[in-house]
Amino acid sequence: MTDFLDALARVPDLLAQHLLLAMSALVLGIILSLPLAVWSARVPAVGRIVLGFASLVQTIPSLALLALFYPILLSLSALVGGGIPALGFLPSLLALTLYALLPILRNGVTGLAGIDPAVIEAADGVGMTAWQKLRLVETPLVAPVLMAGIRTAAVWTIGAATLSTTVGQPSLGDMIFAGLQTQNWALVLAGCTAAAGLALAVDALLGVIERGIARRKRLGAWIAFGALAL
């Protein structure tokens, strides 16, 4: 029990770095996925390519994808005269961002494709522009489906972030790998428990946002978003 309590004392610092990495990757994934989802829904040929690429990324093991960015960033750094880190936060961020793309993209495209054509015709009938239709009609209808994809991406990203330890980025994986190497099971248990708890907490907060959007209760959604941002 004492060993486990000692292990828990290491959690806060690593948890903060783990959360920063995972949320940065999730936000970047959302920023990339939203315009791609709209484009893919409008142009089926683009959708096949984008979703095919995102699906391909999911077939690559997390550890292999993290390792793949090392030679890529190293070569890129050499081309520009140095300054691009090949280890640490950057490769971890890029790899996790790619992992976050598929569920957000797939749900976004599915949601847009599932909108009743009569709703779009009605929007056209009142003279809405393409941007107005997207902002005022399509986005509110797709938001609950999109949030479900974001929740999935968040859980995947938090889980995969434990492997960032292997490329020099501090995370809760530090405790898990150190515990496995030294057979200190208290460290392993503390790291796994913290990672699982973080994933459940983030998923719960995103669930509140999802329900707030679906029920048009903006106050609850904004409170949950504020808690997540903090």
C-alpha atoms as a PDB file:
ATOM      1  CA  MET A   1       0.000   0.000   0.000  1.00  0.00           C
ATOM      2  CA  THR A   2       2.862   2.375   0.814  1.00  0.00           C
ATOM      3  CA  ASP A   3       4.444   1.688  -2.579  1.00  0.00           C
ATOM      4  CA  PHE A   4       1.170   2.493  -4.310  1.00  0.00           C
ATOM      5  CA  LEU A   5       0.793   5.781  -2.389  1.00  0.00           C
ATOM      6  CA  ASP A   6       4.377   6.697  -3.285  1.00  0.00           C
ATOM      7  CA  ALA A   7       3.599   5.931  -6.918  1.00  0.00           C
ATOM      8  CA  LEU A   8       0.491   8.118  -6.807  1.00  0.00           C
ATOM      9  CA  ALA A   9       2.660  11.046  -5.713  1.00  0.00           C
ATOM     10  CA  ARG A  10       4.270  10.959  -9.183  1.00  0.00           C
ATOM     11  CA  VAL A  11       0.922  11.144 -10.961  1.00  0.00           C
ATOM     12  CA  PRO A  12       0.041  14.901 -10.919  1.00  0.00           C
ATOM     13  CA  ASP A  13       3.033  16.160 -12.938  1.00  0.00           C
ATOM     14  CA  LEU A  14       2.846  13.362 -15.483  1.00  0.00           C
ATOM     15  CA  LEU A  15      -0.944  13.613 -15.643  1.00  0.00           C
ATOM     16  CA  ALA A  16      -0.683  17.312 -16.552  1.00  0.00           C
ATOM     17  CA  GLN A  17       1.772  16.597 -19.381  1.00  0.00           C
ATOM     18  CA  HIS A  18      -0.293  13.633 -20.548  1.00  0.00           C
ATOM     19  CA  LEU A  19      -3.454  15.764 -20.648  1.00  0.00           C
ATOM     20  CA  LEU A  20      -1.690  18.614 -22.471  1.00  0.00           C
ATOM     21  CA  LEU A  21      -0.422  16.253 -25.169  1.00  0.00           C
ATOM     22  CA  ALA A  22      -3.713  14.396 -25.624  1.00  0.00           C
ATOM     23  CA  MET A  23      -5.880  17.531 -25.694  1.00  0.00           C
ATOM     24  CA  SER A  24      -3.488  19.314 -28.071  1.00  0.00           C
ATOM     25  CA  ALA A  25      -3.702  16.371 -30.457  1.00  0.00           C
ATOM     26  CA  LEU A  26      -7.489  16.216 -30.116  1.00  0.00           C
ATOM     27  CA  VAL A  27      -7.920  19.941 -30.802  1.00  0.00           C
ATOM     28  CA  LEU A  28      -5.583  19.766 -33.806  1.00  0.00           C
ATOM     29  CA  GLY A  29      -7.454  16.698 -35.029  1.00  0.00           C
ATOM     30  CA  ILE A  30     -10.764  18.562 -34.777  1.00  0.00           C
ATOM     31  CA  ILE A  31      -9.358  21.580 -36.620  1.00  0.00           C
ATOM     32  CA  LEU A  32      -8.169  19.350 -39.476  1.00  0.00           C
ATOM     33  CA  SER A  33     -11.179  17.044 -39.528  1.00  0.00           C
ATOM     34  CA  LEU A  34     -14.031  19.558 -39.686  1.00  0.00           C
ATOM     35  CA  PRO A  35     -13.198  21.162 -43.059  1.00  0.00           C
ATOM     36  CA  LEU A  36     -12.166  17.769 -44.437  1.00  0.00           C
ATOM     37  CA  ALA A  37     -15.504  16.282 -43.331  1.00  0.00           C
ATOM     38  CA  VAL A  38     -17.451  19.045 -45.090  1.00  0.00           C
ATOM     39  CA  TRP A  39     -15.346  18.695 -48.244  1.00  0.00           C
ATOM     40  CA  SER A  40     -15.680  14.906 -48.177  1.00  0.00           C
ATOM     41  CA  ALA A  41     -19.453  15.114 -47.799  1.00  0.00           C
ATOM     42  CA  ARG A  42     -19.683  17.535 -50.732  1.00  0.00           C
ATOM     43  CA  VAL A  43     -17.311  15.605 -53.024  1.00  0.00           C
ATOM     44  CA  PRO A  44     -17.596  11.799 -52.670  1.00  0.00           C
ATOM     45  CA  ALA A  45     -14.292  11.201 -54.498  1.00  0.00           C
ATOM     46  CA  VAL A  46     -12.478  13.312 -51.913  1.00  0.00           C
ATOM     47  CA  GLY A  47     -14.331  11.469 -49.152  1.00  0.00           C
ATOM     48  CA  ARG A  48     -13.076   8.120 -50.355  1.00  0.00           C
ATOM     49  CA  ILE A  49      -9.474   9.344 -50.380  1.00  0.00           C
ATOM     50  CA  VAL A  50      -9.629  11.137 -47.022  1.00  0.00           C
ATOM     51  CA  LEU A  51     -11.452   8.360 -45.190  1.00  0.00           C
ATOM     52  CA  GLY A  52      -9.216   5.789 -46.832  1.00  0.00           C
ATOM     53  CA  PHE A  53      -6.125   7.580 -45.558  1.00  0.00           C
ATOM     54  CA  ALA A  54      -7.572   7.982 -42.056  1.00  0.00           C
ATOM     55  CA  SER A  55      -8.510   4.294 -42.001  1.00  0.00           C
ATOM     56  CA  LEU A  56      -5.014   3.342 -43.175  1.00  0.00           C
ATOM     57  CA  VAL A  57      -3.486   5.270 -40.276  1.00  0.00           C
ATOM     58  CA  GLN A  58      -5.555   3.219 -37.850  1.00  0.00           C
ATOM     59  CA  THR A  59      -3.987   0.016 -39.175  1.00  0.00           C
ATOM     60  CA  ILE A  60      -0.501   1.215 -38.184  1.00  0.00           C
ATOM     61  CA  PRO A  61       0.428   0.265 -34.604  1.00  0.00           C
ATOM     62  CA  SER A  62       0.745   3.300 -32.340  1.00  0.00           C
ATOM     63  CA  LEU A  63       4.354   2.543 -31.463  1.00  0.00           C
ATOM     64  CA  ALA A  64       5.302   2.155 -35.118  1.00  0.00           C
ATOM     65  CA  LEU A  65       3.640   5.440 -36.058  1.00  0.00           C
ATOM     66  CA  LEU A  66       5.487   7.279 -33.277  1.00  0.00           C
ATOM     67  CA  ALA A  67       8.766   5.750 -34.409  1.00  0.00           C
ATOM     68  CA  LEU A  68       8.025   6.618 -38.043  1.00  0.00           C
ATOM     69  CA  PHE A  69       8.041  10.335 -37.308  1.00  0.00           C
ATOM     70  CA  TYR A  70      11.611  10.195 -35.974  1.00  0.00           C
ATOM     71  CA  PRO A  71      13.350   9.760 -39.367  1.00  0.00           C
ATOM     72  CA  ILE A  72      10.782  12.005 -41.069  1.00  0.00           C
ATOM     73  CA  LEU A  73      11.367  14.907 -38.689  1.00  0.00           C
ATOM     74  CA  LEU A  74      15.097  14.254 -38.608  1.00  0.00           C
ATOM     75  CA  SER A  75      15.280  14.494 -42.414  1.00  0.00           C
ATOM     76  CA  LEU A  76      13.051  17.563 -42.459  1.00  0.00           C
ATOM     77  CA  SER A  77      15.220  19.224 -39.831  1.00  0.00           C
ATOM     78  CA  ALA A  78      18.329  18.516 -41.915  1.00  0.00           C
ATOM     79  CA  LEU A  79      16.691  20.044 -44.995  1.00  0.00           C
ATOM     80  CA  VAL A  80      15.855  23.309 -43.236  1.00  0.00           C
ATOM     81  CA  GLY A  81      19.120  23.578 -41.348  1.00  0.00           C
ATOM     82  CA  GLY A  82      18.017  22.137 -38.008  1.00  0.00           C
ATOM     83  CA  GLY A  83      15.687  23.302 -35.274  1.00  0.00           C
ATOM     84  CA  ILE A  84      12.923  20.715 -35.715  1.00  0.00           C
ATOM     85  CA  PRO A  85      12.847  18.262 -32.787  1.00  0.00           C
ATOM     86  CA  ALA A  86      12.646  14.613 -33.839  1.00  0.00           C
ATOM     87  CA  LEU A  87      11.861  13.411 -30.308  1.00  0.00           C
ATOM     88  CA  GLY A  88       9.544  14.604 -27.577  1.00  0.00           C
ATOM     89  CA  PHE A  89       6.347  16.591 -27.943  1.00  0.00           C
ATOM     90  CA  LEU A  90       6.243  17.227 -31.713  1.00  0.00           C
ATOM     91  CA  PRO A  91       6.340  13.639 -33.032  1.00  0.00           C
ATOM     92  CA  SER A  92       3.928  12.590 -30.300  1.00  0.00           C
ATOM     93  CA  LEU A  93       1.536  15.390 -31.239  1.00  0.00           C
ATOM     94  CA  LEU A  94       1.642  14.555 -34.946  1.00  0.00           C
ATOM     95  CA  ALA A  95       1.111  10.827 -34.428  1.00  0.00           C
ATOM     96  CA  LEU A  96      -1.780  11.278 -32.008  1.00  0.00           C
ATOM     97  CA  THR A  97      -3.407  13.863 -34.258  1.00  0.00           C
ATOM     98  CA  LEU A  98      -3.466  11.343 -37.097  1.00  0.00           C
ATOM     99  CA  TYR A  99      -5.070   8.803 -34.784  1.00  0.00           C
ATOM    100  CA  ALA A 100      -7.769  11.303 -33.828  1.00  0.00           C
ATOM    101  CA  LEU A 101      -8.845  11.940 -37.433  1.00  0.00           C
ATOM    102  CA  LEU A 102     -10.860   8.825 -38.325  1.00  0.00           C
ATOM    103  CA  PRO A 103     -13.733   8.893 -35.786  1.00  0.00           C
ATOM    104  CA  ILE A 104     -14.255  12.641 -36.196  1.00  0.00           C
ATOM    105  CA  LEU A 105     -14.124  12.476 -39.986  1.00  0.00           C
ATOM    106  CA  ARG A 106     -16.340   9.418 -40.254  1.00  0.00           C
ATOM    107  CA  ASN A 107     -19.011  10.790 -37.943  1.00  0.00           C
ATOM    108  CA  GLY A 108     -18.890  14.207 -39.603  1.00  0.00           C
ATOM    109  CA  VAL A 109     -19.308  12.771 -43.097  1.00  0.00           C
ATOM    110  CA  THR A 110     -21.999  10.329 -41.947  1.00  0.00           C
ATOM    111  CA  GLY A 111     -23.906  13.092 -40.184  1.00  0.00           C
ATOM    112  CA  LEU A 112     -23.819  15.435 -43.172  1.00  0.00           C
ATOM    113  CA  ALA A 113     -24.816  12.661 -45.568  1.00  0.00           C
ATOM    114  CA  GLY A 114     -27.716  11.689 -43.305  1.00  0.00           C
ATOM    115  CA  ILE A 115     -29.432  15.091 -43.307  1.00  0.00           C
ATOM    116  CA  ASP A 116     -32.903  14.971 -44.865  1.00  0.00           C
ATOM    117  CA  PRO A 117     -32.667  16.444 -48.394  1.00  0.00           C
ATOM    118  CA  ALA A 118     -35.968  18.231 -47.737  1.00  0.00           C
ATOM    119  CA  VAL A 119     -34.257  20.298 -45.043  1.00  0.00           C
ATOM    120  CA  ILE A 120     -31.558  21.393 -47.492  1.00  0.00           C
ATOM    121  CA  GLU A 121     -34.200  22.196 -50.111  1.00  0.00           C
ATOM    122  CA  ALA A 122     -36.069  24.319 -47.588  1.00  0.00           C
ATOM    123  CA  ALA A 123     -32.863  26.219 -46.789  1.00  0.00           C
ATOM    124  CA  ASP A 124     -32.278  26.776 -50.492  1.00  0.00           C
ATOM    125  CA  GLY A 125     -35.878  27.904 -50.848  1.00  0.00           C
ATOM    126  CA  VAL A 126     -35.467  30.746 -48.349  1.00  0.00           C
ATOM    127  CA  GLY A 127     -32.334  31.923 -50.163  1.00  0.00           C
ATOM    128  CA  MET A 128     -29.603  30.770 -47.766  1.00  0.00           C
ATOM    129  CA  THR A 129     -26.040  30.822 -49.012  1.00  0.00           C
ATOM    130  CA  ALA A 130     -23.828  27.735 -48.724  1.00  0.00           C
ATOM    131  CA  TRP A 131     -22.137  29.207 -45.651  1.00  0.00           C
ATOM    132  CA  GLN A 132     -25.484  30.041 -43.998  1.00  0.00           C
ATOM    133  CA  LYS A 133     -26.766  26.511 -44.653  1.00  0.00           C
ATOM    134  CA  LEU A 134     -23.637  25.030 -43.109  1.00  0.00           C
ATOM    135  CA  ARG A 135     -23.689  27.309 -40.058  1.00  0.00           C
ATOM    136  CA  LEU A 136     -27.420  27.538 -39.347  1.00  0.00           C
ATOM    137  CA  VAL A 137     -28.832  24.252 -40.646  1.00  0.00           C
ATOM    138  CA  GLU A 138     -26.266  21.511 -41.112  1.00  0.00           C
ATOM    139  CA  THR A 139     -23.998  22.183 -38.116  1.00  0.00           C
ATOM    140  CA  PRO A 140     -26.781  22.010 -35.467  1.00  0.00           C
ATOM    141  CA  LEU A 141     -28.124  18.797 -37.009  1.00  0.00           C
ATOM    142  CA  VAL A 142     -24.711  17.129 -37.274  1.00  0.00           C
ATOM    143  CA  ALA A 143     -23.311  18.329 -33.933  1.00  0.00           C
ATOM    144  CA  PRO A 144     -24.576  15.402 -31.762  1.00  0.00           C
ATOM    145  CA  VAL A 145     -23.203  12.809 -34.204  1.00  0.00           C
ATOM    146  CA  LEU A 146     -19.940  14.728 -34.513  1.00  0.00           C
ATOM    147  CA  MET A 147     -19.565  14.928 -30.727  1.00  0.00           C
ATOM    148  CA  ALA A 148     -19.846  11.155 -30.513  1.00  0.00           C
ATOM    149  CA  GLY A 149     -16.870  10.898 -32.867  1.00  0.00           C
ATOM    150  CA  ILE A 150     -14.929  13.447 -30.834  1.00  0.00           C
ATOM    151  CA  ARG A 151     -15.564  11.419 -27.666  1.00  0.00           C
ATOM    152  CA  THR A 152     -14.198   8.307 -29.342  1.00  0.00           C
ATOM    153  CA  ALA A 153     -11.159  10.214 -30.600  1.00  0.00           C
ATOM    154  CA  ALA A 154     -10.513  11.616 -27.114  1.00  0.00           C
ATOM    155  CA  VAL A 155     -10.468   8.178 -25.491  1.00  0.00           C
ATOM    156  CA  TRP A 156      -8.244   6.757 -28.240  1.00  0.00           C
ATOM    157  CA  THR A 157      -5.854   9.691 -27.960  1.00  0.00           C
ATOM    158  CA  ILE A 158      -5.544   9.519 -24.183  1.00  0.00           C
ATOM    159  CA  GLY A 159      -4.843   5.794 -24.361  1.00  0.00           C
ATOM    160  CA  ALA A 160      -2.264   6.093 -27.147  1.00  0.00           C
ATOM    161  CA  ALA A 161      -0.537   8.998 -25.390  1.00  0.00           C
ATOM    162  CA  THR A 162       0.947   6.571 -22.866  1.00  0.00           C
ATOM    163  CA  LEU A 163       3.232   5.340 -25.658  1.00  0.00           C
ATOM    164  CA  SER A 164       4.739   8.808 -26.152  1.00  0.00           C
ATOM    165  CA  THR A 165       7.208   7.842 -23.431  1.00  0.00           C
ATOM    166  CA  THR A 166       9.045   5.785 -26.043  1.00  0.00           C
ATOM    167  CA  VAL A 167       9.936   8.921 -28.032  1.00  0.00           C
ATOM    168  CA  GLY A 168      10.949  11.017 -25.054  1.00  0.00           C
ATOM    169  CA  GLN A 169       7.685  12.814 -24.235  1.00  0.00           C
ATOM    170  CA  PRO A 170       6.759  12.607 -20.526  1.00  0.00           C
ATOM    171  CA  SER A 171       3.357  11.057 -19.881  1.00  0.00           C
ATOM    172  CA  LEU A 172       1.663   8.551 -17.612  1.00  0.00           C
ATOM    173  CA  GLY A 173       3.394   5.958 -19.747  1.00  0.00           C
ATOM    174  CA  ASP A 174       6.607   6.838 -17.870  1.00  0.00           C
ATOM    175  CA  MET A 175       5.205   5.128 -14.788  1.00  0.00           C
ATOM    176  CA  ILE A 176       3.894   2.132 -16.710  1.00  0.00           C
ATOM    177  CA  PHE A 177       7.122   1.469 -18.614  1.00  0.00           C
ATOM    178  CA  ALA A 178       9.305   2.109 -15.554  1.00  0.00           C
ATOM    179  CA  GLY A 179       7.166  -0.244 -13.530  1.00  0.00           C
ATOM    180  CA  LEU A 180       7.353  -2.974 -16.153  1.00  0.00           C
ATOM    181  CA  GLN A 181      11.136  -2.675 -16.431  1.00  0.00           C
ATOM    182  CA  THR A 182      11.691  -2.809 -12.657  1.00  0.00           C
ATOM    183  CA  GLN A 183       8.739  -5.096 -11.854  1.00  0.00           C
ATOM    184  CA  ASN A 184       7.322  -2.352  -9.657  1.00  0.00           C
ATOM    185  CA  TRP A 185       3.655  -3.218 -10.053  1.00  0.00           C
ATOM    186  CA  ALA A 186       2.571  -0.299  -7.872  1.00  0.00           C
ATOM    187  CA  LEU A 187       3.921   2.076 -10.545  1.00  0.00           C
ATOM    188  CA  VAL A 188       2.157   0.133 -13.295  1.00  0.00           C
ATOM    189  CA  LEU A 189      -1.122   0.129 -11.387  1.00  0.00           C
ATOM    190  CA  ALA A 190      -0.922   3.838 -10.553  1.00  0.00           C
ATOM    191  CA  GLY A 191      -0.117   4.763 -14.161  1.00  0.00           C
ATOM    192  CA  CYS A 192      -2.875   2.601 -15.625  1.00  0.00           C
ATOM    193  CA  THR A 193      -5.416   3.804 -13.074  1.00  0.00           C
ATOM    194  CA  ALA A 194      -4.572   7.452 -13.727  1.00  0.00           C
ATOM    195  CA  ALA A 195      -4.765   7.005 -17.521  1.00  0.00           C
ATOM    196  CA  ALA A 196      -8.094   5.179 -17.288  1.00  0.00           C
ATOM    197  CA  GLY A 197      -9.477   7.758 -14.891  1.00  0.00           C
ATOM    198  CA  LEU A 198      -8.408  10.590 -17.179  1.00  0.00           C
ATOM    199  CA  ALA A 199     -10.072   8.955 -20.181  1.00  0.00           C
ATOM    200  CA  LEU A 200     -13.309   8.412 -18.245  1.00  0.00           C
ATOM    201  CA  ALA A 201     -13.322  11.982 -16.914  1.00  0.00           C
ATOM    202  CA  VAL A 202     -12.735  13.557 -20.330  1.00  0.00           C
ATOM    203  CA  ASP A 203     -15.340  11.283 -21.927  1.00  0.00           C
ATOM    204  CA  ALA A 204     -17.856  12.242 -19.236  1.00  0.00           C
ATOM    205  CA  LEU A 205     -17.271  15.965 -19.770  1.00  0.00           C
ATOM    206  CA  LEU A 206     -17.559  15.575 -23.536  1.00  0.00           C
ATOM    207  CA  GLY A 207     -20.750  13.583 -22.934  1.00  0.00           C
ATOM    208  CA  VAL A 208     -22.211  16.539 -21.030  1.00  0.00           C
ATOM    209  CA  ILE A 209     -21.319  18.805 -23.951  1.00  0.00           C
ATOM    210  CA  GLU A 210     -22.896  16.325 -26.386  1.00  0.00           C
ATOM    211  CA  ARG A 211     -26.135  16.144 -24.404  1.00  0.00           C
ATOM    212  CA  GLY A 212     -26.193  19.910 -23.991  1.00  0.00           C
ATOM    213  CA  ILE A 213     -25.910  20.372 -27.746  1.00  0.00           C
ATOM    214  CA  ALA A 214     -28.531  17.700 -28.479  1.00  0.00           C
ATOM    215  CA  ARG A 215     -31.011  19.204 -25.990  1.00  0.00           C
ATOM    216  CA  ARG A 216     -30.027  22.790 -26.830  1.00  0.00           C
ATOM    217  CA  LYS A 217     -28.941  23.424 -23.243  1.00  0.00           C
ATOM    218  CA  ARG A 218     -26.020  25.711 -23.943  1.00  0.00           C
ATOM    219  CA  LEU A 219     -25.235  26.552 -20.312  1.00  0.00           C
ATOM    220  CA  GLY A 220     -24.450  22.937 -19.380  1.00  0.00           C
ATOM    221  CA  ALA A 221     -22.382  22.473 -22.518  1.00  0.00           C
ATOM    222  CA  TRP A 222     -20.338  25.621 -21.856  1.00  0.00           C
ATOM    223  CA  ILE A 223     -19.757  24.667 -18.207  1.00  0.00           C
ATOM    224  CA  ALA A 224     -18.449  21.246 -19.263  1.00  0.00           C
ATOM    225  CA  PHE A 225     -16.316  22.843 -21.973  1.00  0.00           C
ATOM    226  CA  GLY A 226     -14.852  25.257 -19.421  1.00  0.00           C
ATOM    227  CA  ALA A 227     -14.020  22.399 -17.056  1.00  0.00           C
ATOM    228  CA  LEU A 228     -12.369  20.508 -19.885  1.00  0.00           C
ATOM    229  CA  ALA A 229     -10.324  23.543 -20.911  1.00  0.00           C
ATOM    230  CA  LEU A 230      -9.106  24.006 -17.339  1.00  0.00           C
END
